[in-house]
Protein backbone atom coordinates (compact mmCIF):
# COMPACT_ATOMS: atom_id res chain seq x y z
CA MET A 1 16.90 -28.03 -0.27
CA THR A 2 14.22 -27.20 -2.64
CA VAL A 3 11.04 -24.79 -2.17
CA VAL A 4 8.24 -25.39 -4.53
CA SER A 5 5.37 -22.92 -4.90
CA CYS A 6 2.10 -23.84 -6.37
CA SER A 7 -1.29 -22.63 -7.03
CA THR A 8 -4.39 -24.27 -8.52
CA SER A 9 -4.41 -21.25 -10.72
CA ASN A 10 -0.69 -20.75 -11.37
CA SER A 11 2.11 -23.08 -12.41
CA VAL A 12 4.36 -24.49 -10.10
CA THR A 13 7.51 -22.36 -9.37
CA SER A 14 10.77 -24.18 -7.75
CA GLN A 15 13.35 -22.17 -5.96
CA SER A 16 16.69 -23.37 -4.67
CA THR A 17 16.94 -22.19 -1.01
CA THR A 18 19.89 -21.31 1.57
CA PRO A 19 18.84 -20.13 4.89
CA SER A 20 19.77 -16.38 3.69
CA SER A 21 18.53 -16.23 -0.10
CA ILE A 22 16.04 -17.61 -2.39
CA SER A 23 16.52 -17.70 -6.11
CA ASN A 24 13.75 -17.88 -8.91
CA GLN A 25 13.61 -20.71 -11.02
CA ASN A 26 10.32 -21.72 -12.98
CA THR A 27 9.61 -25.29 -13.52
CA GLU A 28 6.37 -27.46 -13.97
CA GLN A 29 6.93 -30.32 -11.51
CA ILE A 30 7.20 -31.02 -7.83
CA PRO A 31 10.06 -33.20 -6.87
CA GLU A 32 9.73 -36.55 -8.21
CA ASN A 33 10.84 -38.19 -5.13
CA LEU A 34 8.16 -36.57 -2.96
CA THR A 35 5.78 -38.94 -1.42
CA LEU A 36 2.96 -38.88 0.86
CA PRO A 37 2.28 -38.26 3.76
CA LEU A 38 2.80 -34.27 3.94
CA LEU A 39 2.63 -31.87 6.67
CA ALA A 40 0.90 -28.65 6.20
CA LEU A 41 1.12 -25.34 7.88
CA ASP A 42 -1.03 -22.38 7.99
CA VAL A 43 1.46 -19.76 9.19
CA GLY A 44 -0.30 -16.77 10.86
CA LYS A 45 1.06 -13.83 13.04
CA LYS A 46 0.11 -15.67 16.26
CA ARG A 47 -0.77 -19.22 15.66
CA ILE A 48 0.52 -21.86 13.11
CA GLY A 49 -2.09 -24.46 12.21
CA VAL A 50 -0.77 -27.76 11.33
CA ALA A 51 -2.39 -30.79 9.44
CA VAL A 52 -0.90 -34.03 8.20
CA SER A 53 -2.38 -36.12 5.15
CA ASP A 54 -2.57 -39.86 5.37
CA ARG A 55 -0.31 -42.18 3.41
CA LEU A 56 -2.80 -42.70 0.50
CA GLY A 57 -3.84 -39.18 0.12
CA TYR A 58 -7.31 -39.83 0.85
CA SER A 59 -7.68 -37.44 3.96
CA CYS A 60 -6.11 -34.62 5.87
CA ARG A 61 -6.65 -33.58 9.08
CA GLY A 62 -5.67 -31.09 11.71
CA ILE A 63 -3.50 -32.10 14.32
CA ALA A 64 -2.08 -29.13 16.25
CA CYS A 65 -1.97 -25.63 16.67
CA LEU A 66 1.80 -23.97 17.39
CA HIS A 67 2.26 -20.75 18.79
CA ARG A 68 4.31 -18.47 16.43
CA ASN A 69 5.84 -16.34 19.20
CA ASP A 70 7.37 -19.49 20.68
CA SER A 71 10.80 -19.36 19.17
CA GLY A 72 11.11 -23.38 19.57
CA TRP A 73 8.24 -23.60 17.19
CA PRO A 74 10.19 -25.35 14.28
CA LYS A 75 11.34 -28.06 16.64
CA GLN A 76 7.71 -28.61 17.41
CA ALA A 77 7.04 -29.00 14.05
CA LEU A 78 10.09 -31.20 13.34
CA LYS A 79 8.55 -33.61 16.38
CA LEU A 80 5.31 -33.74 14.50
CA ILE A 81 7.02 -34.36 11.29
CA LYS A 82 8.94 -37.48 12.83
CA GLU A 83 5.94 -38.69 14.56
CA TYR A 84 3.59 -38.81 11.04
CA GLY A 85 6.56 -39.86 9.22
CA CYS A 86 6.15 -36.87 6.87
CA LYS A 87 7.95 -36.83 3.55
CA GLY A 88 7.47 -32.89 2.84
CA ILE A 89 6.08 -29.80 4.10
CA VAL A 90 3.19 -27.67 2.45
CA VAL A 91 3.30 -24.08 3.57
CA GLY A 92 0.09 -22.11 2.85
CA LEU A 93 1.09 -18.75 0.84
CA ALA A 94 -1.27 -16.11 1.73
CA LYS A 95 -1.71 -14.13 -1.55
CA ASN A 96 -3.77 -11.12 -2.10
CA MET A 97 -6.87 -11.91 -4.13
CA ASP A 98 -5.27 -10.65 -7.33
CA GLY A 99 -2.71 -13.22 -6.83
CA SER A 100 0.09 -10.80 -5.87
CA GLU A 101 1.94 -11.51 -2.82
CA GLY A 102 2.13 -8.92 -0.01
CA ALA A 103 3.10 -8.70 3.40
CA GLN A 104 1.31 -11.78 4.82
CA ALA A 105 3.12 -13.89 2.06
CA LYS A 106 6.45 -12.46 2.93
CA ASP A 107 5.49 -13.58 6.49
CA CYS A 108 4.61 -17.03 5.56
CA ARG A 109 8.18 -17.23 3.68
CA LYS A 110 9.78 -15.89 6.82
CA GLY A 111 8.00 -18.86 8.63
CA ALA A 112 9.27 -21.45 6.30
CA ALA A 113 12.78 -20.16 6.19
CA GLN A 114 12.65 -20.51 9.90
CA LEU A 115 11.49 -24.20 9.68
CA GLN A 116 13.85 -24.94 6.87
CA GLN A 117 16.93 -24.30 9.42
CA VAL A 118 15.83 -27.60 11.44
CA ILE A 119 14.40 -29.77 8.59
CA SER A 120 15.99 -31.51 5.41
CA LEU A 121 12.67 -32.26 3.70
CA PRO A 122 11.25 -30.31 0.56
CA ILE A 123 9.30 -27.09 1.60
CA LEU A 124 6.43 -26.32 -0.90
CA PHE A 125 4.13 -23.55 -0.80
CA GLN A 126 0.37 -23.74 -1.65
CA ASP A 127 -2.00 -20.92 -2.38
CA GLU A 128 -4.10 -20.45 0.51
CA ARG A 129 -6.50 -18.14 -0.44
CA LEU A 130 -10.11 -18.57 1.19
CA SER A 131 -8.74 -21.61 3.25
CA THR A 132 -9.62 -20.00 6.46
CA TRP A 133 -13.25 -19.17 5.34
CA THR A 134 -13.49 -22.56 4.11
CA ALA A 135 -12.53 -23.87 7.10
CA LYS A 136 -14.72 -21.81 9.23
CA GLU A 137 -17.62 -22.81 7.15
CA ARG A 138 -16.89 -26.63 7.66
CA LEU A 139 -16.61 -26.07 11.63
CA PHE A 140 -19.93 -24.22 11.61
CA ALA A 141 -21.47 -26.88 9.41
CA GLN A 142 -20.19 -29.52 12.09
CA GLY A 143 -22.46 -27.68 14.77
CA LEU A 144 -19.64 -26.19 16.58
CA ASN A 145 -20.06 -23.11 18.57
CA GLU A 146 -17.89 -19.69 18.13
CA LYS A 147 -15.55 -20.55 20.75
CA LYS A 148 -14.76 -24.32 19.41
CA VAL A 149 -14.35 -22.83 15.85
CA ILE A 150 -11.79 -20.35 17.02
CA ALA A 151 -9.93 -23.22 18.78
CA LYS A 152 -9.83 -25.61 15.61
CA LEU A 153 -9.83 -22.98 13.07
CA ASP A 154 -5.91 -22.88 11.95
CA GLN A 155 -5.53 -26.56 12.08
CA THR A 156 -8.66 -26.96 9.98
CA ALA A 157 -7.28 -24.11 7.54
CA ALA A 158 -4.02 -26.11 7.42
CA ALA A 159 -6.16 -29.35 6.39
CA VAL A 160 -7.91 -27.07 3.68
CA ILE A 161 -4.50 -26.05 2.34
CA LEU A 162 -3.15 -29.74 2.34
CA GLU A 163 -6.41 -30.93 0.50
CA ASP A 164 -5.90 -28.21 -2.08
CA PHE A 165 -2.02 -29.32 -2.87
CA ILE A 166 -2.94 -32.85 -3.05
CA ALA A 167 -6.09 -32.25 -5.56
CA ALA A 168 -3.52 -30.14 -7.68
CA HIS A 169 -1.03 -32.95 -7.75
CA PRO A 170 -2.67 -36.30 -8.43
CA ALA A 171 0.48 -38.12 -9.21
CA LEU A 172 1.18 -37.94 -5.47
CA VAL A 173 -1.86 -40.43 -4.94
CA ARG A 174 -0.49 -43.58 -6.07
């Protein structure tokens, strides 16, 4: 399986993975056979927001929120992948504001490793800095109250991550 990490400000990093290790190999491209739709995950300590793109790359929408402490969450994600016909997974990588990876990024990679045990699709990473803030602004702009914003925040952040990924890779939109 290939795991690709990217950012709108950094080059794409491809990593060949096995369940127990990740080696670092740099490349400028995402997998050539990657097509839409994609599924995105905003991996947090308690919840995992899930979003999906359409087949043309015009829109991304939040579809679910999984519970991280449920050991069956990767199988729930697999069910959504099959339901929406996704061809790859984008995982938000929580970087520090200076671009470095801290404990939260390590946790995101751990979540991706859990998922790779049940899927054979490519897993790609997208810099998710400020995605939750952007999602919160969007939800409040829709006139939602605090309770409804909190309920939709994780899946909306996943949609923001997916939008950023697709915007950074215009070749996906054919």
